Amino acid sequence: MGTNRRLNGAPVRFGSAIKVGFLCSFFVLSAIGYVWQKSQIFNLGRQIKAYELRLDELRKQKEMLNRVYAAMCSPRELDERVRRMNLGLGTPHPSQIIRLQPSRGTQPVVEAPKLYANSGK
């Protein structure tokens, strides 16, 4: 009668066990890598969204500061601040205005500012 070799306790081939072990390790590590990559993508997306919101806030703040700066530099506001600070500034006398003669290759005649120059001093 013929005997079955598998029932006789024949040793399992070592090479096939190693292949199965490598395949299982590959699939497990691939799954772990995939999950890690997805979590990194999710975290980076949240960071990008937070940075975009911060950028929008900073743009709004910059626009508001530009408006305040423009208002503070307006002639009307400057006149009002001069009056409040009681600096005694006024329009200069014609003798206080210095005219510069242009040399070759320069800009035309430049005059000192007519507003806010020391009056009579």
PDB file of N, CA and C in Angstrom:
ATOM      1  N   MET A   1       0.819  -1.141   0.000  1.00  0.00           N
ATOM      2  CA  MET A   1       0.000   0.000   0.000  1.00  0.00           C
ATOM      3  C   MET A   1       0.888   1.236   0.000  1.00  0.00           C
ATOM      4  N   GLY A   2       0.453   2.275  -0.741  1.00  0.00           N
ATOM      5  CA  GLY A   2       1.263   3.472  -0.823  1.00  0.00           C
ATOM      6  C   GLY A   2       1.068   4.363   0.402  1.00  0.00           C
ATOM      7  N   THR A   3       2.133   4.937   0.835  1.00  0.00           N
ATOM      8  CA  THR A   3       2.040   5.811   2.020  1.00  0.00           C
ATOM      9  C   THR A   3       2.064   7.275   1.580  1.00  0.00           C
ATOM     10  N   ASN A   4       1.426   8.031   2.334  1.00  0.00           N
ATOM     11  CA  ASN A   4       1.365   9.458   2.048  1.00  0.00           C
ATOM     12  C   ASN A   4       2.555  10.138   2.715  1.00  0.00           C
ATOM     13  N   ARG A   5       3.344  10.847   1.927  1.00  0.00           N
ATOM     14  CA  ARG A   5       4.549  11.478   2.485  1.00  0.00           C
ATOM     15  C   ARG A   5       4.199  12.627   3.434  1.00  0.00           C
ATOM     16  N   ARG A   6       3.121  13.296   3.208  1.00  0.00           N
ATOM     17  CA  ARG A   6       2.778  14.412   4.074  1.00  0.00           C
ATOM     18  C   ARG A   6       2.425  13.933   5.475  1.00  0.00           C
ATOM     19  N   LEU A   7       1.847  12.837   5.583  1.00  0.00           N
ATOM     20  CA  LEU A   7       1.475  12.316   6.889  1.00  0.00           C
ATOM     21  C   LEU A   7       2.673  11.745   7.627  1.00  0.00           C
ATOM     22  N   ASN A   8       3.738  11.506   6.961  1.00  0.00           N
ATOM     23  CA  ASN A   8       4.925  10.928   7.593  1.00  0.00           C
ATOM     24  C   ASN A   8       5.764  11.987   8.293  1.00  0.00           C
ATOM     25  N   GLY A   9       5.335  13.254   8.327  1.00  0.00           N
ATOM     26  CA  GLY A   9       6.098  14.304   9.008  1.00  0.00           C
ATOM     27  C   GLY A   9       7.237  14.825   8.165  1.00  0.00           C
ATOM     28  N   ALA A  10       7.021  14.898   6.882  1.00  0.00           N
ATOM     29  CA  ALA A  10       8.060  15.437   6.023  1.00  0.00           C
ATOM     30  C   ALA A  10       8.244  16.912   6.380  1.00  0.00           C
ATOM     31  N   PRO A  11       9.462  17.372   6.403  1.00  0.00           N
ATOM     32  CA  PRO A  11       9.725  18.772   6.807  1.00  0.00           C
ATOM     33  C   PRO A  11       9.164  19.752   5.776  1.00  0.00           C
ATOM     34  N   VAL A  12       8.670  20.886   6.266  1.00  0.00           N
ATOM     35  CA  VAL A  12       8.145  21.936   5.393  1.00  0.00           C
ATOM     36  C   VAL A  12       9.344  22.581   4.728  1.00  0.00           C
ATOM     37  N   ARG A  13       9.193  22.871   3.469  1.00  0.00           N
ATOM     38  CA  ARG A  13      10.317  23.478   2.766  1.00  0.00           C
ATOM     39  C   ARG A  13      10.634  24.838   3.374  1.00  0.00           C
ATOM     40  N   PHE A  14      11.867  25.060   3.662  1.00  0.00           N
ATOM     41  CA  PHE A  14      12.328  26.276   4.319  1.00  0.00           C
ATOM     42  C   PHE A  14      12.208  27.480   3.397  1.00  0.00           C
ATOM     43  N   GLY A  15      12.477  27.288   2.116  1.00  0.00           N
ATOM     44  CA  GLY A  15      12.422  28.383   1.149  1.00  0.00           C
ATOM     45  C   GLY A  15      11.032  28.964   1.012  1.00  0.00           C
ATOM     46  N   SER A  16      10.011  28.141   0.978  1.00  0.00           N
ATOM     47  CA  SER A  16       8.654  28.647   0.832  1.00  0.00           C
ATOM     48  C   SER A  16       8.204  29.382   2.103  1.00  0.00           C
ATOM     49  N   ALA A  17       8.659  28.967   3.255  1.00  0.00           N
ATOM     50  CA  ALA A  17       8.314  29.663   4.500  1.00  0.00           C
ATOM     51  C   ALA A  17       8.939  31.068   4.517  1.00  0.00           C
ATOM     52  N   ILE A  18      10.146  31.171   4.012  1.00  0.00           N
ATOM     53  CA  ILE A  18      10.805  32.486   3.960  1.00  0.00           C
ATOM     54  C   ILE A  18      10.063  33.402   2.986  1.00  0.00           C
ATOM     55  N   LYS A  19       9.657  32.860   1.838  1.00  0.00           N
ATOM     56  CA  LYS A  19       8.914  33.668   0.863  1.00  0.00           C
ATOM     57  C   LYS A  19       7.606  34.174   1.459  1.00  0.00           C
ATOM     58  N   VAL A  20       6.885  33.319   2.142  1.00  0.00           N
ATOM     59  CA  VAL A  20       5.622  33.720   2.770  1.00  0.00           C
ATOM     60  C   VAL A  20       5.879  34.783   3.831  1.00  0.00           C
ATOM     61  N   GLY A  21       6.937  34.616   4.595  1.00  0.00           N
ATOM     62  CA  GLY A  21       7.278  35.604   5.628  1.00  0.00           C
ATOM     63  C   GLY A  21       7.606  36.966   5.021  1.00  0.00           C
ATOM     64  N   PHE A  22       8.376  36.955   3.937  1.00  0.00           N
ATOM     65  CA  PHE A  22       8.706  38.211   3.262  1.00  0.00           C
ATOM     66  C   PHE A  22       7.464  38.872   2.674  1.00  0.00           C
ATOM     67  N   LEU A  23       6.600  38.095   2.062  1.00  0.00           N
ATOM     68  CA  LEU A  23       5.367  38.655   1.493  1.00  0.00           C
ATOM     69  C   LEU A  23       4.484  39.270   2.576  1.00  0.00           C
ATOM     70  N   CYS A  24       4.325  38.572   3.680  1.00  0.00           N
ATOM     71  CA  CYS A  24       3.514  39.108   4.780  1.00  0.00           C
ATOM     72  C   CYS A  24       4.133  40.393   5.330  1.00  0.00           C
ATOM     73  N   SER A  25       5.445  40.379   5.498  1.00  0.00           N
ATOM     74  CA  SER A  25       6.140  41.575   5.990  1.00  0.00           C
ATOM     75  C   SER A  25       5.961  42.736   5.012  1.00  0.00           C
ATOM     76  N   PHE A  26       6.074  42.455   3.727  1.00  0.00           N
ATOM     77  CA  PHE A  26       5.912  43.489   2.711  1.00  0.00           C
ATOM     78  C   PHE A  26       4.524  44.106   2.778  1.00  0.00           C
ATOM     79  N   PHE A  27       3.478  43.284   2.851  1.00  0.00           N
ATOM     80  CA  PHE A  27       2.117  43.807   2.893  1.00  0.00           C
ATOM     81  C   PHE A  27       1.840  44.576   4.175  1.00  0.00           C
ATOM     82  N   VAL A  28       2.347  44.106   5.294  1.00  0.00           N
ATOM     83  CA  VAL A  28       2.133  44.800   6.565  1.00  0.00           C
ATOM     84  C   VAL A  28       2.846  46.156   6.541  1.00  0.00           C
ATOM     85  N   LEU A  29       4.095  46.169   6.093  1.00  0.00           N
ATOM     86  CA  LEU A  29       4.845  47.432   6.042  1.00  0.00           C
ATOM     87  C   LEU A  29       4.239  48.393   5.016  1.00  0.00           C
ATOM     88  N   SER A  30       3.739  47.859   3.928  1.00  0.00           N
ATOM     89  CA  SER A  30       3.077  48.712   2.938  1.00  0.00           C
ATOM     90  C   SER A  30       1.820  49.348   3.521  1.00  0.00           C
ATOM     91  N   ALA A  31       1.048  48.586   4.256  1.00  0.00           N
ATOM     92  CA  ALA A  31      -0.166  49.115   4.874  1.00  0.00           C
ATOM     93  C   ALA A  31       0.182  50.182   5.920  1.00  0.00           C
ATOM     94  N   ILE A  32       1.203  49.946   6.711  1.00  0.00           N
ATOM     95  CA  ILE A  32       1.626  50.934   7.708  1.00  0.00           C
ATOM     96  C   ILE A  32       2.112  52.208   7.012  1.00  0.00           C
ATOM     97  N   GLY A  33       2.877  52.063   5.960  1.00  0.00           N
ATOM     98  CA  GLY A  33       3.345  53.222   5.202  1.00  0.00           C
ATOM     99  C   GLY A  33       2.207  54.007   4.585  1.00  0.00           C
ATOM    100  N   TYR A  34       1.216  53.319   4.081  1.00  0.00           N
ATOM    101  CA  TYR A  34       0.065  53.971   3.475  1.00  0.00           C
ATOM    102  C   TYR A  34      -0.703  54.786   4.507  1.00  0.00           C
ATOM    103  N   VAL A  35      -0.953  54.202   5.670  1.00  0.00           N
ATOM    104  CA  VAL A  35      -1.679  54.904   6.728  1.00  0.00           C
ATOM    105  C   VAL A  35      -0.874  56.113   7.206  1.00  0.00           C
ATOM    106  N   TRP A  36       0.443  55.964   7.367  1.00  0.00           N
ATOM    107  CA  TRP A  36       1.293  57.073   7.803  1.00  0.00           C
ATOM    108  C   TRP A  36       1.264  58.208   6.773  1.00  0.00           C
ATOM    109  N   GLN A  37       1.347  57.835   5.497  1.00  0.00           N
ATOM    110  CA  GLN A  37       1.333  58.842   4.435  1.00  0.00           C
ATOM    111  C   GLN A  37       0.004  59.596   4.436  1.00  0.00           C
ATOM    112  N   LYS A  38      -1.097  58.898   4.584  1.00  0.00           N
ATOM    113  CA  LYS A  38      -2.406  59.552   4.611  1.00  0.00           C
ATOM    114  C   LYS A  38      -2.525  60.493   5.806  1.00  0.00           C
ATOM    115  N   SER A  39      -2.012  60.084   6.960  1.00  0.00           N
ATOM    116  CA  SER A  39      -2.077  60.966   8.132  1.00  0.00           C
ATOM    117  C   SER A  39      -1.195  62.198   7.923  1.00  0.00           C
ATOM    118  N   GLN A  40      -0.050  62.053   7.271  1.00  0.00           N
ATOM    119  CA  GLN A  40       0.807  63.198   6.981  1.00  0.00           C
ATOM    120  C   GLN A  40       0.126  64.163   6.017  1.00  0.00           C
ATOM    121  N   ILE A  41      -0.530  63.643   5.003  1.00  0.00           N
ATOM    122  CA  ILE A  41      -1.259  64.478   4.050  1.00  0.00           C
ATOM    123  C   ILE A  41      -2.367  65.245   4.767  1.00  0.00           C
ATOM    124  N   PHE A  42      -3.071  64.587   5.654  1.00  0.00           N
ATOM    125  CA  PHE A  42      -4.145  65.231   6.412  1.00  0.00           C
ATOM    126  C   PHE A  42      -3.595  66.351   7.294  1.00  0.00           C
ATOM    127  N   ASN A  43      -2.500  66.067   8.010  1.00  0.00           N
ATOM    128  CA  ASN A  43      -1.897  67.078   8.890  1.00  0.00           C
ATOM    129  C   ASN A  43      -1.370  68.274   8.089  1.00  0.00           C
ATOM    130  N   LEU A  44      -0.742  68.014   6.966  1.00  0.00           N
ATOM    131  CA  LEU A  44      -0.236  69.108   6.132  1.00  0.00           C
ATOM    132  C   LEU A  44      -1.380  69.951   5.571  1.00  0.00           C
ATOM    133  N   GLY A  45      -2.486  69.315   5.230  1.00  0.00           N
ATOM    134  CA  GLY A  45      -3.654  70.053   4.758  1.00  0.00           C
ATOM    135  C   GLY A  45      -4.200  70.980   5.834  1.00  0.00           C
ATOM    136  N   ARG A  46      -4.235  70.516   7.070  1.00  0.00           N
ATOM    137  CA  ARG A  46      -4.685  71.362   8.177  1.00  0.00           C
ATOM    138  C   ARG A  46      -3.730  72.529   8.387  1.00  0.00           C
ATOM    139  N   GLN A  47      -2.415  72.269   8.309  1.00  0.00           N
ATOM    140  CA  GLN A  47      -1.434  73.336   8.480  1.00  0.00           C
ATOM    141  C   GLN A  47      -1.572  74.380   7.371  1.00  0.00           C
ATOM    142  N   ILE A  48      -1.751  73.926   6.138  1.00  0.00           N
ATOM    143  CA  ILE A  48      -1.906  74.860   5.014  1.00  0.00           C
ATOM    144  C   ILE A  48      -3.141  75.719   5.226  1.00  0.00           C
ATOM    145  N   LYS A  49      -4.234  75.121   5.670  1.00  0.00           N
ATOM    146  CA  LYS A  49      -5.465  75.875   5.918  1.00  0.00           C
ATOM    147  C   LYS A  49      -5.237  76.920   7.009  1.00  0.00           C
ATOM    148  N   ALA A  50      -4.532  76.547   8.081  1.00  0.00           N
ATOM    149  CA  ALA A  50      -4.250  77.497   9.160  1.00  0.00           C
ATOM    150  C   ALA A  50      -3.370  78.641   8.659  1.00  0.00           C
ATOM    151  N   TYR A  51      -2.380  78.339   7.831  1.00  0.00           N
ATOM    152  CA  TYR A  51      -1.512  79.379   7.286  1.00  0.00           C
ATOM    153  C   TYR A  51      -2.274  80.305   6.340  1.00  0.00           C
ATOM    154  N   GLU A  52      -3.197  79.761   5.565  1.00  0.00           N
ATOM    155  CA  GLU A  52      -4.008  80.591   4.676  1.00  0.00           C
ATOM    156  C   GLU A  52      -4.895  81.537   5.473  1.00  0.00           C
ATOM    157  N   LEU A  53      -5.475  81.049   6.567  1.00  0.00           N
ATOM    158  CA  LEU A  53      -6.300  81.906   7.410  1.00  0.00           C
ATOM    159  C   LEU A  53      -5.459  83.016   8.034  1.00  0.00           C
ATOM    160  N   ARG A  54      -4.265  82.670   8.499  1.00  0.00           N
ATOM    161  CA  ARG A  54      -3.358  83.669   9.085  1.00  0.00           C
ATOM    162  C   ARG A  54      -2.954  84.706   8.035  1.00  0.00           C
ATOM    163  N   LEU A  55      -2.689  84.257   6.820  1.00  0.00           N
ATOM    164  CA  LEU A  55      -2.326  85.168   5.739  1.00  0.00           C
ATOM    165  C   LEU A  55      -3.468  86.140   5.440  1.00  0.00           C
ATOM    166  N   ASP A  56      -4.699  85.655   5.431  1.00  0.00           N
ATOM    167  CA  ASP A  56      -5.849  86.526   5.211  1.00  0.00           C
ATOM    168  C   ASP A  56      -5.970  87.568   6.328  1.00  0.00           C
ATOM    169  N   GLU A  57      -5.747  87.130   7.587  1.00  0.00           N
ATOM    170  CA  GLU A  57      -5.792  88.064   8.704  1.00  0.00           C
ATOM    171  C   GLU A  57      -4.719  89.139   8.556  1.00  0.00           C
ATOM    172  N   LEU A  58      -3.514  88.727   8.188  1.00  0.00           N
ATOM    173  CA  LEU A  58      -2.417  89.681   8.041  1.00  0.00           C
ATOM    174  C   LEU A  58      -2.659  90.646   6.884  1.00  0.00           C
ATOM    175  N   ARG A  59      -3.268  90.168   5.809  1.00  0.00           N
ATOM    176  CA  ARG A  59      -3.591  91.059   4.688  1.00  0.00           C
ATOM    177  C   ARG A  59      -4.619  92.098   5.112  1.00  0.00           C
ATOM    178  N   LYS A  60      -5.643  91.680   5.869  1.00  0.00           N
ATOM    179  CA  LYS A  60      -6.649  92.617   6.354  1.00  0.00           C
ATOM    180  C   LYS A  60      -6.010  93.638   7.297  1.00  0.00           C
ATOM    181  N   GLN A  61      -5.141  93.172   8.164  1.00  0.00           N
ATOM    182  CA  GLN A  61      -4.466  94.075   9.094  1.00  0.00           C
ATOM    183  C   GLN A  61      -3.577  95.068   8.340  1.00  0.00           C
ATOM    184  N   LYS A  62      -2.875  94.602   7.314  1.00  0.00           N
ATOM    185  CA  LYS A  62      -2.028  95.489   6.514  1.00  0.00           C
ATOM    186  C   LYS A  62      -2.861  96.548   5.821  1.00  0.00           C
ATOM    187  N   GLU A  63      -3.996  96.154   5.262  1.00  0.00           N
ATOM    188  CA  GLU A  63      -4.877  97.103   4.591  1.00  0.00           C
ATOM    189  C   GLU A  63      -5.386  98.151   5.571  1.00  0.00           C
ATOM    190  N   MET A  64      -5.767  97.717   6.772  1.00  0.00           N
ATOM    191  CA  MET A  64      -6.251  98.650   7.789  1.00  0.00           C
ATOM    192  C   MET A  64      -5.134  99.613   8.188  1.00  0.00           C
ATOM    193  N   LEU A  65      -3.923  99.113   8.376  1.00  0.00           N
ATOM    194  CA  LEU A  65      -2.798  99.968   8.744  1.00  0.00           C
ATOM    195  C   LEU A  65      -2.443 100.940   7.618  1.00  0.00           C
ATOM    196  N   ASN A  66      -2.559 100.503   6.371  1.00  0.00           N
ATOM    197  CA  ASN A  66      -2.317 101.411   5.245  1.00  0.00           C
ATOM    198  C   ASN A  66      -3.331 102.547   5.229  1.00  0.00           C
ATOM    199  N   ARG A  67      -4.597 102.242   5.540  1.00  0.00           N
ATOM    200  CA  ARG A  67      -5.611 103.288   5.595  1.00  0.00           C
ATOM    201  C   ARG A  67      -5.330 104.272   6.728  1.00  0.00           C
ATOM    202  N   VAL A  68      -4.933 103.752   7.889  1.00  0.00           N
ATOM    203  CA  VAL A  68      -4.614 104.624   9.016  1.00  0.00           C
ATOM    204  C   VAL A  68      -3.418 105.504   8.682  1.00  0.00           C
ATOM    205  N   TYR A  69      -2.406 104.909   8.063  1.00  0.00           N
ATOM    206  CA  TYR A  69      -1.207 105.668   7.685  1.00  0.00           C
ATOM    207  C   TYR A  69      -1.552 106.766   6.685  1.00  0.00           C
ATOM    208  N   ALA A  70      -2.372 106.440   5.692  1.00  0.00           N
ATOM    209  CA  ALA A  70      -2.762 107.438   4.696  1.00  0.00           C
ATOM    210  C   ALA A  70      -3.542 108.569   5.351  1.00  0.00           C
ATOM    211  N   ALA A  71      -4.408 108.226   6.306  1.00  0.00           N
ATOM    212  CA  ALA A  71      -5.167 109.259   7.001  1.00  0.00           C
ATOM    213  C   ALA A  71      -4.245 110.142   7.838  1.00  0.00           C
ATOM    214  N   MET A  72      -3.249 109.544   8.467  1.00  0.00           N
ATOM    215  CA  MET A  72      -2.324 110.312   9.304  1.00  0.00           C
ATOM    216  C   MET A  72      -1.408 111.209   8.469  1.00  0.00           C
ATOM    217  N   CYS A  73      -1.169 110.852   7.236  1.00  0.00           N
ATOM    218  CA  CYS A  73      -0.276 111.639   6.375  1.00  0.00           C
ATOM    219  C   CYS A  73      -1.017 112.686   5.561  1.00  0.00           C
ATOM    220  N   SER A  74      -2.313 112.748   5.679  1.00  0.00           N
ATOM    221  CA  SER A  74      -3.066 113.730   4.901  1.00  0.00           C
ATOM    222  C   SER A  74      -2.760 115.134   5.442  1.00  0.00           C
ATOM    223  N   PRO A  75      -2.745 116.137   4.565  1.00  0.00           N
ATOM    224  CA  PRO A  75      -2.454 117.502   5.009  1.00  0.00           C
ATOM    225  C   PRO A  75      -3.400 118.004   6.101  1.00  0.00           C
ATOM    226  N   ARG A  76      -4.663 117.653   5.998  1.00  0.00           N
ATOM    227  CA  ARG A  76      -5.636 118.088   7.007  1.00  0.00           C
ATOM    228  C   ARG A  76      -5.274 117.519   8.383  1.00  0.00           C
ATOM    229  N   GLU A  77      -4.952 116.239   8.436  1.00  0.00           N
ATOM    230  CA  GLU A  77      -4.580 115.605   9.703  1.00  0.00           C
ATOM    231  C   GLU A  77      -3.275 116.186  10.243  1.00  0.00           C
ATOM    232  N   LEU A  78      -2.315 116.447   9.361  1.00  0.00           N
ATOM    233  CA  LEU A  78      -1.052 117.028   9.805  1.00  0.00           C
ATOM    234  C   LEU A  78      -1.263 118.427  10.371  1.00  0.00           C
ATOM    235  N   ASP A  79      -2.110 119.240   9.712  1.00  0.00           N
ATOM    236  CA  ASP A  79      -2.415 120.570  10.243  1.00  0.00           C
ATOM    237  C   ASP A  79      -3.052 120.478  11.621  1.00  0.00           C
ATOM    238  N   GLU A  80      -3.983 119.565  11.763  1.00  0.00           N
ATOM    239  CA  GLU A  80      -4.662 119.391  13.050  1.00  0.00           C
ATOM    240  C   GLU A  80      -3.674 118.964  14.140  1.00  0.00           C
ATOM    241  N   ARG A  81      -2.773 118.079  13.818  1.00  0.00           N
ATOM    242  CA  ARG A  81      -1.777 117.643  14.813  1.00  0.00           C
ATOM    243  C   ARG A  81      -0.840 118.771  15.185  1.00  0.00           C
ATOM    244  N   VAL A  82      -0.467 119.611  14.218  1.00  0.00           N
ATOM    245  CA  VAL A  82       0.387 120.762  14.515  1.00  0.00           C
ATOM    246  C   VAL A  82      -0.336 121.708  15.466  1.00  0.00           C
ATOM    247  N   ARG A  83      -1.635 121.936  15.241  1.00  0.00           N
ATOM    248  CA  ARG A  83      -2.408 122.809  16.137  1.00  0.00           C
ATOM    249  C   ARG A  83      -2.522 122.213  17.525  1.00  0.00           C
ATOM    250  N   ARG A  84      -2.797 120.905  17.613  1.00  0.00           N
ATOM    251  CA  ARG A  84      -2.927 120.252  18.916  1.00  0.00           C
ATOM    252  C   ARG A  84      -1.627 120.285  19.705  1.00  0.00           C
ATOM    253  N   MET A  85      -0.500 120.105  19.009  1.00  0.00           N
ATOM    254  CA  MET A  85       0.797 120.058  19.683  1.00  0.00           C
ATOM    255  C   MET A  85       1.362 121.453  19.938  1.00  0.00           C
ATOM    256  N   ASN A  86       0.700 122.467  19.398  1.00  0.00           N
ATOM    257  CA  ASN A  86       1.091 123.857  19.600  1.00  0.00           C
ATOM    258  C   ASN A  86       2.580 124.055  19.293  1.00  0.00           C
ATOM    259  N   LEU A  87       2.982 123.658  18.088  1.00  0.00           N
ATOM    260  CA  LEU A  87       4.373 123.753  17.688  1.00  0.00           C
ATOM    261  C   LEU A  87       4.739 125.109  17.104  1.00  0.00           C
ATOM    262  N   GLY A  88       3.767 125.930  16.794  1.00  0.00           N
ATOM    263  CA  GLY A  88       4.042 127.247  16.245  1.00  0.00           C
ATOM    264  C   GLY A  88       4.585 127.202  14.831  1.00  0.00           C
ATOM    265  N   LEU A  89       4.201 126.226  14.060  1.00  0.00           N
ATOM    266  CA  LEU A  89       4.654 126.126  12.684  1.00  0.00           C
ATOM    267  C   LEU A  89       3.701 126.872  11.768  1.00  0.00           C
ATOM    268  N   GLY A  90       4.242 127.411  10.696  1.00  0.00           N
ATOM    269  CA  GLY A  90       3.404 128.120   9.754  1.00  0.00           C
ATOM    270  C   GLY A  90       4.053 128.142   8.386  1.00  0.00           C
ATOM    271  N   THR A  91       3.471 128.931   7.502  1.00  0.00           N
ATOM    272  CA  THR A  91       4.007 129.057   6.150  1.00  0.00           C
ATOM    273  C   THR A  91       5.306 129.866   6.211  1.00  0.00           C
ATOM    274  N   PRO A  92       6.354 129.459   5.510  1.00  0.00           N
ATOM    275  CA  PRO A  92       7.627 130.186   5.586  1.00  0.00           C
ATOM    276  C   PRO A  92       7.567 131.491   4.803  1.00  0.00           C
ATOM    277  N   HIS A  93       8.405 132.418   5.216  1.00  0.00           N
ATOM    278  CA  HIS A  93       8.549 133.673   4.479  1.00  0.00           C
ATOM    279  C   HIS A  93       9.329 133.386   3.205  1.00  0.00           C
ATOM    280  N   PRO A  94       9.151 134.187   2.187  1.00  0.00           N
ATOM    281  CA  PRO A  94       9.906 133.951   0.945  1.00  0.00           C
ATOM    282  C   PRO A  94      11.419 133.966   1.160  1.00  0.00           C
ATOM    283  N   SER A  95      11.889 134.710   2.157  1.00  0.00           N
ATOM    284  CA  SER A  95      13.336 134.733   2.405  1.00  0.00           C
ATOM    285  C   SER A  95      13.836 133.419   3.008  1.00  0.00           C
ATOM    286  N   GLN A  96      12.937 132.613   3.553  1.00  0.00           N
ATOM    287  CA  GLN A  96      13.335 131.343   4.154  1.00  0.00           C
ATOM    288  C   GLN A  96      13.396 130.215   3.136  1.00  0.00           C
ATOM    289  N   ILE A  97      12.905 130.442   1.955  1.00  0.00           N
ATOM    290  CA  ILE A  97      12.898 129.397   0.928  1.00  0.00           C
ATOM    291  C   ILE A  97      14.242 129.412   0.218  1.00  0.00           C
ATOM    292  N   ILE A  98      14.878 128.285   0.155  1.00  0.00           N
ATOM    293  CA  ILE A  98      16.180 128.142  -0.498  1.00  0.00           C
ATOM    294  C   ILE A  98      15.956 127.483  -1.846  1.00  0.00           C
ATOM    295  N   ARG A  99      16.446 128.115  -2.875  1.00  0.00           N
ATOM    296  CA  ARG A  99      16.324 127.557  -4.222  1.00  0.00           C
ATOM    297  C   ARG A  99      17.685 127.031  -4.642  1.00  0.00           C
ATOM    298  N   LEU A 100      17.719 125.815  -5.091  1.00  0.00           N
ATOM    299  CA  LEU A 100      18.962 125.194  -5.533  1.00  0.00           C
ATOM    300  C   LEU A 100      19.021 125.235  -7.053  1.00  0.00           C
ATOM    301  N   GLN A 101      20.161 125.605  -7.560  1.00  0.00           N
ATOM    302  CA  GLN A 101      20.348 125.629  -9.009  1.00  0.00           C
ATOM    303  C   GLN A 101      20.754 124.235  -9.476  1.00  0.00           C
ATOM    304  N   PRO A 102      20.108 123.744 -10.523  1.00  0.00           N
ATOM    305  CA  PRO A 102      20.462 122.399 -10.988  1.00  0.00           C
ATOM    306  C   PRO A 102      21.801 122.418 -11.712  1.00  0.00           C
ATOM    307  N   SER A 103      22.562 121.383 -11.498  1.00  0.00           N
ATOM    308  CA  SER A 103      23.786 121.230 -12.283  1.00  0.00           C
ATOM    309  C   SER A 103      23.451 120.344 -13.473  1.00  0.00           C
ATOM    310  N   ARG A 104      24.401 120.150 -14.347  1.00  0.00           N
ATOM    311  CA  ARG A 104      24.123 119.365 -15.560  1.00  0.00           C
ATOM    312  C   ARG A 104      23.677 117.938 -15.208  1.00  0.00           C
ATOM    313  N   GLY A 105      22.641 117.508 -15.878  1.00  0.00           N
ATOM    314  CA  GLY A 105      22.172 116.125 -15.727  1.00  0.00           C
ATOM    315  C   GLY A 105      21.382 115.878 -14.457  1.00  0.00           C
ATOM    316  N   THR A 106      20.874 116.912 -13.789  1.00  0.00           N
ATOM    317  CA  THR A 106      20.093 116.696 -12.574  1.00  0.00           C
ATOM    318  C   THR A 106      18.661 117.132 -12.779  1.00  0.00           C
ATOM    319  N   GLN A 107      17.896 117.028 -11.733  1.00  0.00           N
ATOM    320  CA  GLN A 107      16.489 117.385 -11.755  1.00  0.00           C
ATOM    321  C   GLN A 107      16.322 118.901 -11.808  1.00  0.00           C
ATOM    322  N   PRO A 108      15.118 119.409 -12.146  1.00  0.00           N
ATOM    323  CA  PRO A 108      14.878 120.854 -12.150  1.00  0.00           C
ATOM    324  C   PRO A 108      14.979 121.459 -10.753  1.00  0.00           C
ATOM    325  N   VAL A 109      14.710 122.743 -10.637  1.00  0.00           N
ATOM    326  CA  VAL A 109      14.853 123.486  -9.387  1.00  0.00           C
ATOM    327  C   VAL A 109      14.040 122.824  -8.293  1.00  0.00           C
ATOM    328  N   VAL A 110      14.671 122.679  -7.130  1.00  0.00           N
ATOM    329  CA  VAL A 110      14.018 122.058  -5.984  1.00  0.00           C
ATOM    330  C   VAL A 110      13.802 123.135  -4.939  1.00  0.00           C
ATOM    331  N   GLU A 111      12.603 123.205  -4.382  1.00  0.00           N
ATOM    332  CA  GLU A 111      12.304 124.187  -3.347  1.00  0.00           C
ATOM    333  C   GLU A 111      12.106 123.474  -2.032  1.00  0.00           C
ATOM    334  N   ALA A 112      12.405 124.167  -0.951  1.00  0.00           N
ATOM    335  CA  ALA A 112      12.126 123.633   0.379  1.00  0.00           C
ATOM    336  C   ALA A 112      10.615 123.575   0.541  1.00  0.00           C
ATOM    337  N   PRO A 113      10.112 122.669   1.349  1.00  0.00           N
ATOM    338  CA  PRO A 113       8.663 122.568   1.540  1.00  0.00           C
ATOM    339  C   PRO A 113       8.088 123.878   2.074  1.00  0.00           C
ATOM    340  N   LYS A 114       6.923 124.266   1.582  1.00  0.00           N
ATOM    341  CA  LYS A 114       6.305 125.526   1.988  1.00  0.00           C
ATOM    342  C   LYS A 114       5.494 125.378   3.257  1.00  0.00           C
ATOM    343  N   LEU A 115       5.073 124.180   3.597  1.00  0.00           N
ATOM    344  CA  LEU A 115       4.293 123.956   4.801  1.00  0.00           C
ATOM    345  C   LEU A 115       5.202 123.464   5.914  1.00  0.00           C
ATOM    346  N   TYR A 116       4.902 123.848   7.113  1.00  0.00           N
ATOM    347  CA  TYR A 116       5.527 123.345   8.331  1.00  0.00           C
ATOM    348  C   TYR A 116       6.987 123.751   8.495  1.00  0.00           C
ATOM    349  N   ALA A 117       7.459 124.757   7.818  1.00  0.00           N
ATOM    350  CA  ALA A 117       8.803 125.255   8.073  1.00  0.00           C
ATOM    351  C   ALA A 117       8.736 126.194   9.258  1.00  0.00           C
ATOM    352  N   ASN A 118       9.833 126.375   9.970  1.00  0.00           N
ATOM    353  CA  ASN A 118       9.859 127.256  11.127  1.00  0.00           C
ATOM    354  C   ASN A 118       9.527 128.670  10.684  1.00  0.00           C
ATOM    355  N   SER A 119       8.576 129.286  11.360  1.00  0.00           N
ATOM    356  CA  SER A 119       8.174 130.637  10.958  1.00  0.00           C
ATOM    357  C   SER A 119       8.922 131.650  11.800  1.00  0.00           C
ATOM    358  N   GLY A 120       9.757 132.444  11.132  1.00  0.00           N
ATOM    359  CA  GLY A 120      10.453 133.541  11.773  1.00  0.00           C
ATOM    360  C   GLY A 120      11.624 133.146  12.647  1.00  0.00           C
ATOM    361  N   LYS A 121      12.051 131.947  12.662  1.00  0.00           N
ATOM    362  CA  LYS A 121      13.160 131.514  13.522  1.00  0.00           C
ATOM    363  C   LYS A 121      14.353 131.144  12.706  1.00  0.00           C
TER     364      LYS A 121
END
